[in-house]
PDB file of N, CA and C in Angstrom:
ATOM      1  N   MET A   1     172.162  88.509  77.949  1.00  0.00           N
ATOM      2  CA  MET A   1     170.831  87.930  77.951  1.00  0.00           C
ATOM      3  C   MET A   1     170.488  87.160  79.228  1.00  0.00           C
ATOM      4  N   PRO A   2     171.447  86.519  79.882  1.00  0.00           N
ATOM      5  CA  PRO A   2     171.075  85.767  81.079  1.00  0.00           C
ATOM      6  C   PRO A   2     170.462  86.653  82.168  1.00  0.00           C
ATOM      7  N   LYS A   3     170.894  87.899  82.278  1.00  0.00           N
ATOM      8  CA  LYS A   3     170.346  88.804  83.296  1.00  0.00           C
ATOM      9  C   LYS A   3     168.864  89.067  83.019  1.00  0.00           C
ATOM     10  N   ILE A   4     168.518  89.237  81.732  1.00  0.00           N
ATOM     11  CA  ILE A   4     167.120  89.467  81.363  1.00  0.00           C
ATOM     12  C   ILE A   4     166.279  88.247  81.711  1.00  0.00           C
ATOM     13  N   ASP A   5     166.799  87.068  81.404  1.00  0.00           N
ATOM     14  CA  ASP A   5     166.063  85.839  81.704  1.00  0.00           C
ATOM     15  C   ASP A   5     165.889  85.648  83.211  1.00  0.00           C
ATOM     16  N   GLU A   6     166.900  86.014  83.965  1.00  0.00           N
ATOM     17  CA  GLU A   6     166.824  85.905  85.417  1.00  0.00           C
ATOM     18  C   GLU A   6     165.744  86.836  85.978  1.00  0.00           C
ATOM     19  N   ILE A   7     165.702  88.056  85.478  1.00  0.00           N
ATOM     20  CA  ILE A   7     164.697  89.017  85.941  1.00  0.00           C
ATOM     21  C   ILE A   7     163.295  88.560  85.540  1.00  0.00           C
ATOM     22  N   LYS A   8     163.149  88.032  84.333  1.00  0.00           N
ATOM     23  CA  LYS A   8     161.841  87.544  83.882  1.00  0.00           C
ATOM     24  C   LYS A   8     161.373  86.372  84.743  1.00  0.00           C
ATOM     25  N   ALA A   9     162.286  85.478  85.088  1.00  0.00           N
ATOM     26  CA  ALA A   9     161.931  84.341  85.936  1.00  0.00           C
ATOM     27  C   ALA A   9     161.506  84.812  87.322  1.00  0.00           C
ATOM     28  N   GLU A  10     162.192  85.804  87.853  1.00  0.00           N
ATOM     29  CA  GLU A  10     161.829  86.318  89.167  1.00  0.00           C
ATOM     30  C   GLU A  10     160.479  87.033  89.127  1.00  0.00           C
ATOM     31  N   ILE A  11     160.198  87.743  88.043  1.00  0.00           N
ATOM     32  CA  ILE A  11     158.897  88.388  87.890  1.00  0.00           C
ATOM     33  C   ILE A  11     157.794  87.337  87.840  1.00  0.00           C
ATOM     34  N   ASP A  12     158.021  86.244  87.117  1.00  0.00           N
ATOM     35  CA  ASP A  12     157.030  85.165  87.049  1.00  0.00           C
ATOM     36  C   ASP A  12     156.773  84.558  88.429  1.00  0.00           C
ATOM     37  N   PHE A  13     157.842  84.342  89.181  1.00  0.00           N
ATOM     38  CA  PHE A  13     157.698  83.809  90.538  1.00  0.00           C
ATOM     39  C   PHE A  13     156.909  84.766  91.425  1.00  0.00           C
ATOM     40  N   LEU A  14     157.221  86.043  91.337  1.00  0.00           N
ATOM     41  CA  LEU A  14     156.531  87.032  92.156  1.00  0.00           C
ATOM     42  C   LEU A  14     155.062  87.157  91.764  1.00  0.00           C
ATOM     43  N   LYS A  15     154.771  87.008  90.462  1.00  0.00           N
ATOM     44  CA  LYS A  15     153.368  87.041  90.035  1.00  0.00           C
ATOM     45  C   LYS A  15     152.598  85.869  90.644  1.00  0.00           C
ATOM     46  N   ASP A  16     153.222  84.700  90.676  1.00  0.00           N
ATOM     47  CA  ASP A  16     152.573  83.539  91.289  1.00  0.00           C
ATOM     48  C   ASP A  16     152.378  83.751  92.791  1.00  0.00           C
ATOM     49  N   LEU A  17     153.371  84.306  93.446  1.00  0.00           N
ATOM     50  CA  LEU A  17     153.257  84.610  94.877  1.00  0.00           C
ATOM     51  C   LEU A  17     152.146  85.616  95.134  1.00  0.00           C
ATOM     52  N   PHE A  18     152.014  86.593  94.258  1.00  0.00           N
ATOM     53  CA  PHE A  18     150.958  87.593  94.371  1.00  0.00           C
ATOM     54  C   PHE A  18     149.579  86.931  94.266  1.00  0.00           C
ATOM     55  N   LYS A  19     149.429  86.044  93.283  1.00  0.00           N
ATOM     56  CA  LYS A  19     148.151  85.346  93.096  1.00  0.00           C
ATOM     57  C   LYS A  19     147.811  84.476  94.304  1.00  0.00           C
ATOM     58  N   ILE A  20     148.795  83.774  94.832  1.00  0.00           N
ATOM     59  CA  ILE A  20     148.567  82.908  95.990  1.00  0.00           C
ATOM     60  C   ILE A  20     148.172  83.727  97.216  1.00  0.00           C
ATOM     61  N   SER A  21     148.840  84.850  97.425  1.00  0.00           N
ATOM     62  CA  SER A  21     148.526  85.668  98.600  1.00  0.00           C
ATOM     63  C   SER A  21     147.128  86.277  98.494  1.00  0.00           C
ATOM     64  N   ILE A  22     146.711  86.665  97.300  1.00  0.00           N
ATOM     65  CA  ILE A  22     145.362  87.196  97.116  1.00  0.00           C
ATOM     66  C   ILE A  22     144.327  86.098  97.355  1.00  0.00           C
ATOM     67  N   ALA A  23     144.581  84.896  96.825  1.00  0.00           N
ATOM     68  CA  ALA A  23     143.648  83.777  97.024  1.00  0.00           C
ATOM     69  C   ALA A  23     143.539  83.416  98.504  1.00  0.00           C
ATOM     70  N   LEU A  24     144.654  83.416  99.196  1.00  0.00           N
ATOM     71  CA  LEU A  24     144.654  83.124 100.621  1.00  0.00           C
ATOM     72  C   LEU A  24     143.886  84.194 101.400  1.00  0.00           C
ATOM     73  N   LEU A  25     144.064  85.433 101.020  1.00  0.00           N
ATOM     74  CA  LEU A  25     143.358  86.524 101.677  1.00  0.00           C
ATOM     75  C   LEU A  25     141.844  86.412 101.456  1.00  0.00           C
ATOM     76  N   VAL A  26     141.444  86.071 100.247  1.00  0.00           N
ATOM     77  CA  VAL A  26     140.016  85.899  99.959  1.00  0.00           C
ATOM     78  C   VAL A  26     139.443  84.747 100.787  1.00  0.00           C
ATOM     79  N   ALA A  27     140.186  83.651 100.895  1.00  0.00           N
ATOM     80  CA  ALA A  27     139.714  82.504 101.673  1.00  0.00           C
ATOM     81  C   ALA A  27     139.572  82.858 103.154  1.00  0.00           C
ATOM     82  N   ILE A  28     140.522  83.587 103.689  1.00  0.00           N
ATOM     83  CA  ILE A  28     140.447  83.969 105.103  1.00  0.00           C
ATOM     84  C   ILE A  28     139.267  84.908 105.345  1.00  0.00           C
ATOM     85  N   ILE A  29     139.063  85.857 104.442  1.00  0.00           N
ATOM     86  CA  ILE A  29     137.948  86.787 104.604  1.00  0.00           C
ATOM     87  C   ILE A  29     136.615  86.047 104.483  1.00  0.00           C
ATOM     88  N   ALA A  30     136.542  85.064 103.592  1.00  0.00           N
ATOM     89  CA  ALA A  30     135.311  84.264 103.486  1.00  0.00           C
ATOM     90  C   ALA A  30     135.065  83.497 104.785  1.00  0.00           C
ATOM     91  N   GLY A  31     136.105  82.944 105.367  1.00  0.00           N
ATOM     92  CA  GLY A  31     135.966  82.252 106.648  1.00  0.00           C
ATOM     93  C   GLY A  31     135.539  83.187 107.761  1.00  0.00           C
ATOM     94  N   LEU A  32     136.106  84.386 107.761  1.00  0.00           N
ATOM     95  CA  LEU A  32     135.725  85.373 108.774  1.00  0.00           C
ATOM     96  C   LEU A  32     134.256  85.769 108.635  1.00  0.00           C
ATOM     97  N   SER A  33     133.824  85.982 107.404  1.00  0.00           N
ATOM     98  CA  SER A  33     132.420  86.367 107.212  1.00  0.00           C
ATOM     99  C   SER A  33     131.482  85.226 107.606  1.00  0.00           C
ATOM    100  N   LYS A  34     131.891  83.982 107.343  1.00  0.00           N
ATOM    101  CA  LYS A  34     131.076  82.827 107.736  1.00  0.00           C
ATOM    102  C   LYS A  34     130.971  82.759 109.266  1.00  0.00           C
ATOM    103  N   LEU A  35     132.081  82.947 109.950  1.00  0.00           N
ATOM    104  CA  LEU A  35     132.039  82.948 111.413  1.00  0.00           C
ATOM    105  C   LEU A  35     131.169  84.078 111.950  1.00  0.00           C
ATOM    106  N   TYR A  36     131.273  85.233 111.324  1.00  0.00           N
ATOM    107  CA  TYR A  36     130.491  86.378 111.773  1.00  0.00           C
ATOM    108  C   TYR A  36     128.995  86.141 111.550  1.00  0.00           C
ATOM    109  N   LEU A  37     128.651  85.626 110.367  1.00  0.00           N
ATOM    110  CA  LEU A  37     127.237  85.386 110.075  1.00  0.00           C
ATOM    111  C   LEU A  37     126.643  84.284 110.939  1.00  0.00           C
ATOM    112  N   ASP A  38     127.466  83.322 111.321  1.00  0.00           N
ATOM    113  CA  ASP A  38     126.996  82.253 112.207  1.00  0.00           C
ATOM    114  C   ASP A  38     126.990  82.687 113.673  1.00  0.00           C
ATOM    115  N   ASP A  39     127.370  83.926 113.904  1.00  0.00           N
ATOM    116  CA  ASP A  39     127.453  84.477 115.262  1.00  0.00           C
ATOM    117  C   ASP A  39     128.351  83.614 116.150  1.00  0.00           C
ATOM    118  N   SER A  40     129.467  83.216 115.545  1.00  0.00           N
ATOM    119  CA  SER A  40     130.420  82.360 116.242  1.00  0.00           C
ATOM    120  C   SER A  40     131.754  83.090 116.376  1.00  0.00           C
ATOM    121  N   ILE A  41     131.709  84.245 116.999  1.00  0.00           N
ATOM    122  CA  ILE A  41     132.930  85.035 117.159  1.00  0.00           C
ATOM    123  C   ILE A  41     133.688  84.504 118.375  1.00  0.00           C
ATOM    124  N   ASN A  42     134.808  83.867 118.086  1.00  0.00           N
ATOM    125  CA  ASN A  42     135.647  83.278 119.130  1.00  0.00           C
ATOM    126  C   ASN A  42     137.107  83.539 118.785  1.00  0.00           C
ATOM    127  N   ILE A  43     137.989  82.802 119.383  1.00  0.00           N
ATOM    128  CA  ILE A  43     139.424  83.010 119.166  1.00  0.00           C
ATOM    129  C   ILE A  43     139.811  82.786 117.705  1.00  0.00           C
ATOM    130  N   LEU A  44     139.142  81.872 117.033  1.00  0.00           N
ATOM    131  CA  LEU A  44     139.423  81.608 115.616  1.00  0.00           C
ATOM    132  C   LEU A  44     139.114  82.835 114.762  1.00  0.00           C
ATOM    133  N   PHE A  45     138.046  83.522 115.102  1.00  0.00           N
ATOM    134  CA  PHE A  45     137.682  84.743 114.376  1.00  0.00           C
ATOM    135  C   PHE A  45     138.774  85.799 114.530  1.00  0.00           C
ATOM    136  N   TYR A  46     139.222  85.995 115.751  1.00  0.00           N
ATOM    137  CA  TYR A  46     140.249  87.014 115.986  1.00  0.00           C
ATOM    138  C   TYR A  46     141.596  86.636 115.374  1.00  0.00           C
ATOM    139  N   MET A  47     141.924  85.354 115.391  1.00  0.00           N
ATOM    140  CA  MET A  47     143.163  84.914 114.735  1.00  0.00           C
ATOM    141  C   MET A  47     143.084  85.154 113.229  1.00  0.00           C
ATOM    142  N   GLY A  48     141.919  84.876 112.651  1.00  0.00           N
ATOM    143  CA  GLY A  48     141.726  85.119 111.222  1.00  0.00           C
ATOM    144  C   GLY A  48     141.810  86.594 110.880  1.00  0.00           C
ATOM    145  N   ALA A  49     141.275  87.440 111.749  1.00  0.00           N
ATOM    146  CA  ALA A  49     141.342  88.881 111.515  1.00  0.00           C
ATOM    147  C   ALA A  49     142.787  89.369 111.539  1.00  0.00           C
ATOM    148  N   ILE A  50     143.548  88.881 112.490  1.00  0.00           N
ATOM    149  CA  ILE A  50     144.960  89.270 112.573  1.00  0.00           C
ATOM    150  C   ILE A  50     145.732  88.751 111.365  1.00  0.00           C
ATOM    151  N   MET A  51     145.459  87.506 110.970  1.00  0.00           N
ATOM    152  CA  MET A  51     146.144  86.937 109.803  1.00  0.00           C
ATOM    153  C   MET A  51     145.785  87.678 108.522  1.00  0.00           C
ATOM    154  N   SER A  52     144.531  88.092 108.398  1.00  0.00           N
ATOM    155  CA  SER A  52     144.141  88.820 107.186  1.00  0.00           C
ATOM    156  C   SER A  52     144.870  90.157 107.099  1.00  0.00           C
ATOM    157  N   ILE A  53     145.078  90.798 108.234  1.00  0.00           N
ATOM    158  CA  ILE A  53     145.826  92.054 108.238  1.00  0.00           C
ATOM    159  C   ILE A  53     147.276  91.807 107.847  1.00  0.00           C
ATOM    160  N   LEU A  54     147.876  90.767 108.421  1.00  0.00           N
ATOM    161  CA  LEU A  54     149.270  90.459 108.100  1.00  0.00           C
ATOM    162  C   LEU A  54     149.440  90.026 106.646  1.00  0.00           C
ATOM    163  N   ILE A  55     148.520  89.207 106.153  1.00  0.00           N
ATOM    164  CA  ILE A  55     148.639  88.714 104.781  1.00  0.00           C
ATOM    165  C   ILE A  55     148.329  89.815 103.768  1.00  0.00           C
ATOM    166  N   SER A  56     147.564  90.815 104.153  1.00  0.00           N
ATOM    167  CA  SER A  56     147.268  91.902 103.217  1.00  0.00           C
ATOM    168  C   SER A  56     148.499  92.753 102.928  1.00  0.00           C
ATOM    169  N   ILE A  57     149.522  92.630 103.728  1.00  0.00           N
ATOM    170  CA  ILE A  57     150.769  93.362 103.483  1.00  0.00           C
ATOM    171  C   ILE A  57     151.575  92.711 102.370  1.00  0.00           C
ATOM    172  N   VAL A  58     151.474  91.403 102.237  1.00  0.00           N
ATOM    173  CA  VAL A  58     152.274  90.644 101.261  1.00  0.00           C
ATOM    174  C   VAL A  58     152.050  91.122  99.821  1.00  0.00           C
ATOM    175  N   PRO A  59     150.806  91.274  99.336  1.00  0.00           N
ATOM    176  CA  PRO A  59     150.642  91.716  97.947  1.00  0.00           C
ATOM    177  C   PRO A  59     151.244  93.093  97.668  1.00  0.00           C
ATOM    178  N   VAL A  60     151.211  93.973  98.650  1.00  0.00           N
ATOM    179  CA  VAL A  60     151.793  95.308  98.457  1.00  0.00           C
ATOM    180  C   VAL A  60     153.303  95.203  98.264  1.00  0.00           C
ATOM    181  N   VAL A  61     153.945  94.413  99.111  1.00  0.00           N
ATOM    182  CA  VAL A  61     155.401  94.241  99.010  1.00  0.00           C
ATOM    183  C   VAL A  61     155.764  93.555  97.692  1.00  0.00           C
ATOM    184  N   VAL A  62     155.021  92.536  97.325  1.00  0.00           N
ATOM    185  CA  VAL A  62     155.291  91.810  96.079  1.00  0.00           C
ATOM    186  C   VAL A  62     155.089  92.737  94.888  1.00  0.00           C
ATOM    187  N   PHE A  63     154.032  93.549  94.915  1.00  0.00           N
ATOM    188  CA  PHE A  63     153.779  94.475  93.819  1.00  0.00           C
ATOM    189  C   PHE A  63     154.938  95.455  93.648  1.00  0.00           C
ATOM    190  N   LYS A  64     155.469  95.955  94.750  1.00  0.00           N
ATOM    191  CA  LYS A  64     156.599  96.890  94.669  1.00  0.00           C
ATOM    192  C   LYS A  64     157.828  96.214  94.080  1.00  0.00           C
ATOM    193  N   LYS A  65     158.065  94.947  94.444  1.00  0.00           N
ATOM    194  CA  LYS A  65     159.207  94.226  93.883  1.00  0.00           C
ATOM    195  C   LYS A  65     159.023  93.979  92.392  1.00  0.00           C
ATOM    196  N   ILE A  66     157.805  93.631  91.984  1.00  0.00           N
ATOM    197  CA  ILE A  66     157.540  93.416  90.559  1.00  0.00           C
ATOM    198  C   ILE A  66     157.778  94.704  89.789  1.00  0.00           C
ATOM    199  N   LYS A  67     157.300  95.807  90.332  1.00  0.00           N
ATOM    200  CA  LYS A  67     157.481  97.102  89.674  1.00  0.00           C
ATOM    201  C   LYS A  67     158.961  97.447  89.526  1.00  0.00           C
ATOM    202  N   LYS A  68     159.740  97.155  90.567  1.00  0.00           N
ATOM    203  CA  LYS A  68     161.184  97.419  90.521  1.00  0.00           C
ATOM    204  C   LYS A  68     161.862  96.575  89.449  1.00  0.00           C
ATOM    205  N   HIS A  69     161.471  95.296  89.369  1.00  0.00           N
ATOM    206  CA  HIS A  69     162.085  94.407  88.379  1.00  0.00           C
ATOM    207  C   HIS A  69     161.666  94.765  86.957  1.00  0.00           C
ATOM    208  N   ILE A  70     160.451  95.226  86.781  1.00  0.00           N
ATOM    209  CA  ILE A  70     160.024  95.650  85.444  1.00  0.00           C
ATOM    210  C   ILE A  70     160.815  96.873  85.013  1.00  0.00           C
ATOM    211  N   LYS A  71     161.081  97.764  85.964  1.00  0.00           N
ATOM    212  CA  LYS A  71     161.894  98.950  85.658  1.00  0.00           C
ATOM    213  C   LYS A  71     163.323  98.521  85.271  1.00  0.00           C
ATOM    214  N   GLU A  72     163.891  97.566  86.012  1.00  0.00           N
ATOM    215  CA  GLU A  72     165.225  97.060  85.689  1.00  0.00           C
ATOM    216  C   GLU A  72     165.235  96.431  84.302  1.00  0.00           C
ATOM    217  N   LEU A  73     164.184  95.703  83.985  1.00  0.00           N
ATOM    218  CA  LEU A  73     164.079  95.035  82.690  1.00  0.00           C
ATOM    219  C   LEU A  73     164.025  96.070  81.563  1.00  0.00           C
ATOM    220  N   GLY A  74     163.300  97.159  81.798  1.00  0.00           N
ATOM    221  CA  GLY A  74     163.238  98.232  80.803  1.00  0.00           C
ATOM    222  C   GLY A  74     164.588  98.894  80.606  1.00  0.00           C
ATOM    223  N   GLU A  75     165.347  99.049  81.682  1.00  0.00           N
ATOM    224  CA  GLU A  75     166.676  99.671  81.558  1.00  0.00           C
ATOM    225  C   GLU A  75     167.638  98.751  80.818  1.00  0.00           C
ATOM    226  N   LEU A  76     167.508  97.433  80.988  1.00  0.00           N
ATOM    227  CA  LEU A  76     168.388  96.499  80.290  1.00  0.00           C
ATOM    228  C   LEU A  76     168.079  96.434  78.798  1.00  0.00           C
ATOM    229  N   ASP A  77     166.786  96.522  78.458  1.00  0.00           N
ATOM    230  CA  ASP A  77     166.403  96.474  77.044  1.00  0.00           C
ATOM    231  C   ASP A  77     166.751  97.764  76.320  1.00  0.00           C
ATOM    232  N   GLY A  78     166.670  98.866  77.033  1.00  0.00           N
ATOM    233  CA  GLY A  78     166.855 100.175  76.408  1.00  0.00           C
ATOM    234  C   GLY A  78     168.228 100.607  76.329  1.00  0.00           C
TER     235      GLY A  78
END
């Protein structure tokens, strides 16, 4: 049973990380759109664009890890 509990705890952590990364991505995109609408395209805009690209990779990686752990959990139960 401890292995199942460990996997469940890691899935919970990864779900929280997924939520945080999505919220951060939404905030950065909102900031980028505000800069664009204010016609204030400067270094901050480009840094935000680069960060949004980098942060958009995080949810994909986290999703794959969650999927792997759910599969492991199914194999342990079955």
